[in-house]
Amino acid sequence: MKPGDVVVIGAFDEVPEHWFWVETVEDDHVTGVALSGPLAGEYGEPDLSMIIKVLGPDEARQGT
């Protein structure tokens, strides 16, 4: 995983699974912006454990 990747964040609380653009990768979390779901456009810092999958370039393009 690296800056610029799109990842899938698992559902938590009342927020469904969603796509997230990674700005930075830290020791225990990433920073960036939600791309889908109710938090779309919002900045966030999800823990690495919340990431279900790193999308490949072709997968990420399909969602844009």
N, C-alpha and C. Protein backbone atom coordinates (compact mmCIF):
# COMPACT_ATOMS: atom_id res chain seq x y z
N MET A 1 0.85 -1.17 0.00
CA MET A 1 0.00 0.00 0.00
C MET A 1 0.90 1.23 0.00
N LYS A 2 0.46 2.24 -0.80
CA LYS A 2 1.25 3.45 -0.91
C LYS A 2 0.33 4.65 -1.14
N PRO A 3 0.85 5.86 -0.94
CA PRO A 3 0.03 7.05 -1.22
C PRO A 3 -0.51 7.00 -2.65
N GLY A 4 -1.76 7.37 -2.79
CA GLY A 4 -2.42 7.35 -4.10
C GLY A 4 -3.25 6.11 -4.34
N ASP A 5 -3.05 5.08 -3.52
CA ASP A 5 -3.85 3.86 -3.67
C ASP A 5 -5.29 4.11 -3.22
N VAL A 6 -6.19 3.29 -3.73
CA VAL A 6 -7.57 3.27 -3.26
C VAL A 6 -7.77 1.94 -2.53
N VAL A 7 -8.31 2.02 -1.32
CA VAL A 7 -8.52 0.82 -0.51
C VAL A 7 -10.00 0.71 -0.15
N VAL A 8 -10.37 -0.49 0.28
CA VAL A 8 -11.73 -0.73 0.78
C VAL A 8 -11.65 -0.76 2.30
N ILE A 9 -12.44 0.10 2.93
CA ILE A 9 -12.53 0.13 4.39
C ILE A 9 -13.76 -0.67 4.80
N GLY A 10 -13.58 -1.58 5.74
CA GLY A 10 -14.69 -2.40 6.21
C GLY A 10 -15.73 -1.59 6.97
N ALA A 11 -16.93 -2.12 7.03
CA ALA A 11 -18.03 -1.46 7.75
C ALA A 11 -17.69 -1.34 9.23
N PHE A 12 -18.13 -0.23 9.82
CA PHE A 12 -17.97 -0.02 11.26
C PHE A 12 -19.12 0.85 11.75
N ASP A 13 -19.46 0.71 13.01
CA ASP A 13 -20.59 1.43 13.59
C ASP A 13 -21.76 1.38 12.60
N GLU A 14 -22.22 2.49 12.12
CA GLU A 14 -23.33 2.51 11.17
C GLU A 14 -22.86 2.93 9.78
N VAL A 15 -21.56 2.86 9.55
CA VAL A 15 -20.97 3.24 8.27
C VAL A 15 -20.70 1.98 7.46
N PRO A 16 -21.26 1.89 6.25
CA PRO A 16 -21.04 0.69 5.44
C PRO A 16 -19.63 0.65 4.85
N GLU A 17 -19.26 -0.50 4.34
CA GLU A 17 -18.00 -0.66 3.61
C GLU A 17 -17.91 0.44 2.55
N HIS A 18 -16.72 1.01 2.39
CA HIS A 18 -16.57 2.09 1.41
C HIS A 18 -15.13 2.18 0.89
N TRP A 19 -14.99 2.92 -0.20
CA TRP A 19 -13.67 3.15 -0.80
C TRP A 19 -13.03 4.37 -0.20
N PHE A 20 -11.68 4.35 -0.11
CA PHE A 20 -10.93 5.41 0.56
C PHE A 20 -9.65 5.65 -0.21
N TRP A 21 -9.35 6.93 -0.52
CA TRP A 21 -8.11 7.31 -1.21
C TRP A 21 -7.04 7.58 -0.16
N VAL A 22 -5.89 6.92 -0.30
CA VAL A 22 -4.81 7.01 0.68
C VAL A 22 -3.89 8.19 0.35
N GLU A 23 -3.76 9.11 1.31
CA GLU A 23 -2.84 10.23 1.16
C GLU A 23 -1.47 9.89 1.74
N THR A 24 -1.46 9.35 2.98
CA THR A 24 -0.20 8.92 3.61
C THR A 24 -0.42 7.57 4.28
N VAL A 25 0.67 6.83 4.44
CA VAL A 25 0.66 5.55 5.16
C VAL A 25 1.53 5.73 6.40
N GLU A 26 0.93 5.60 7.57
CA GLU A 26 1.62 5.74 8.84
C GLU A 26 1.84 4.36 9.45
N ASP A 27 2.44 4.30 10.64
CA ASP A 27 2.73 3.02 11.28
C ASP A 27 1.48 2.19 11.55
N ASP A 28 0.41 2.82 12.01
CA ASP A 28 -0.78 2.08 12.41
C ASP A 28 -2.07 2.54 11.73
N HIS A 29 -1.98 3.51 10.82
CA HIS A 29 -3.17 4.02 10.13
C HIS A 29 -2.78 4.67 8.81
N VAL A 30 -3.79 4.99 8.03
CA VAL A 30 -3.59 5.76 6.81
C VAL A 30 -4.37 7.07 6.95
N THR A 31 -4.00 8.06 6.17
CA THR A 31 -4.78 9.29 6.11
C THR A 31 -5.29 9.44 4.69
N GLY A 32 -6.38 10.17 4.54
CA GLY A 32 -6.91 10.38 3.20
C GLY A 32 -8.37 10.77 3.23
N VAL A 33 -9.06 10.47 2.14
CA VAL A 33 -10.43 10.92 1.94
C VAL A 33 -11.32 9.76 1.50
N ALA A 34 -12.49 9.67 2.10
CA ALA A 34 -13.48 8.67 1.70
C ALA A 34 -14.00 9.02 0.31
N LEU A 35 -14.09 8.02 -0.55
CA LEU A 35 -14.55 8.23 -1.93
C LEU A 35 -16.00 7.82 -2.14
N SER A 36 -16.54 7.02 -1.24
CA SER A 36 -17.91 6.54 -1.41
C SER A 36 -18.58 6.44 -0.05
N GLY A 37 -19.87 6.14 -0.08
CA GLY A 37 -20.62 5.98 1.16
C GLY A 37 -20.99 7.31 1.80
N PRO A 38 -21.55 7.26 3.00
CA PRO A 38 -22.04 8.47 3.65
C PRO A 38 -20.93 9.45 4.05
N LEU A 39 -19.70 8.98 4.10
CA LEU A 39 -18.58 9.85 4.46
C LEU A 39 -17.84 10.38 3.23
N ALA A 40 -18.35 10.16 2.04
CA ALA A 40 -17.68 10.59 0.81
C ALA A 40 -17.27 12.05 0.91
N GLY A 41 -16.01 12.31 0.59
CA GLY A 41 -15.47 13.66 0.63
C GLY A 41 -14.90 14.06 1.97
N GLU A 42 -15.07 13.21 2.99
CA GLU A 42 -14.59 13.52 4.33
C GLU A 42 -13.18 12.98 4.54
N TYR A 43 -12.35 13.77 5.21
CA TYR A 43 -11.00 13.35 5.61
C TYR A 43 -11.12 12.31 6.72
N GLY A 44 -10.21 11.34 6.74
CA GLY A 44 -10.21 10.34 7.79
C GLY A 44 -8.84 9.77 8.04
N GLU A 45 -8.73 9.04 9.15
CA GLU A 45 -7.49 8.36 9.55
C GLU A 45 -7.80 6.95 10.04
N PRO A 46 -8.28 6.07 9.14
CA PRO A 46 -8.63 4.71 9.58
C PRO A 46 -7.40 3.88 9.94
N ASP A 47 -7.57 3.02 10.95
CA ASP A 47 -6.52 2.07 11.33
C ASP A 47 -6.26 1.10 10.19
N LEU A 48 -5.04 0.63 10.10
CA LEU A 48 -4.69 -0.35 9.07
C LEU A 48 -5.56 -1.59 9.16
N SER A 49 -5.98 -1.94 10.38
CA SER A 49 -6.80 -3.15 10.57
C SER A 49 -8.17 -3.03 9.92
N MET A 50 -8.60 -1.83 9.58
CA MET A 50 -9.90 -1.61 8.96
C MET A 50 -9.88 -1.83 7.45
N ILE A 51 -8.68 -1.93 6.88
CA ILE A 51 -8.55 -2.07 5.43
C ILE A 51 -8.76 -3.53 5.03
N ILE A 52 -9.75 -3.73 4.18
CA ILE A 52 -10.08 -5.08 3.72
C ILE A 52 -9.26 -5.45 2.48
N LYS A 53 -9.04 -4.46 1.61
CA LYS A 53 -8.41 -4.76 0.33
C LYS A 53 -7.81 -3.49 -0.26
N VAL A 54 -6.67 -3.65 -0.92
CA VAL A 54 -6.09 -2.57 -1.73
C VAL A 54 -6.55 -2.84 -3.15
N LEU A 55 -7.23 -1.87 -3.75
CA LEU A 55 -7.74 -2.05 -5.11
C LEU A 55 -6.62 -1.85 -6.12
N GLY A 56 -6.63 -2.68 -7.15
CA GLY A 56 -5.71 -2.51 -8.26
C GLY A 56 -6.14 -1.31 -9.11
N PRO A 57 -5.26 -0.82 -9.97
CA PRO A 57 -5.58 0.35 -10.80
C PRO A 57 -6.85 0.16 -11.63
N ASP A 58 -7.04 -1.03 -12.20
CA ASP A 58 -8.23 -1.27 -13.02
C ASP A 58 -9.50 -1.24 -12.17
N GLU A 59 -9.45 -1.84 -10.98
CA GLU A 59 -10.61 -1.84 -10.08
C GLU A 59 -10.96 -0.41 -9.65
N ALA A 60 -9.95 0.36 -9.29
CA ALA A 60 -10.17 1.72 -8.81
C ALA A 60 -10.77 2.59 -9.92
N ARG A 61 -10.34 2.40 -11.16
CA ARG A 61 -10.88 3.18 -12.29
C ARG A 61 -12.35 2.85 -12.54
N GLN A 62 -12.75 1.62 -12.29
CA GLN A 62 -14.14 1.23 -12.51
C GLN A 62 -15.09 1.99 -11.58
N GLY A 63 -14.60 2.39 -10.42
CA GLY A 63 -15.44 3.09 -9.47
C GLY A 63 -15.50 4.58 -9.66
N THR A 64 -14.72 5.12 -10.59
CA THR A 64 -14.70 6.58 -10.81
C THR A 64 -15.50 6.96 -12.02
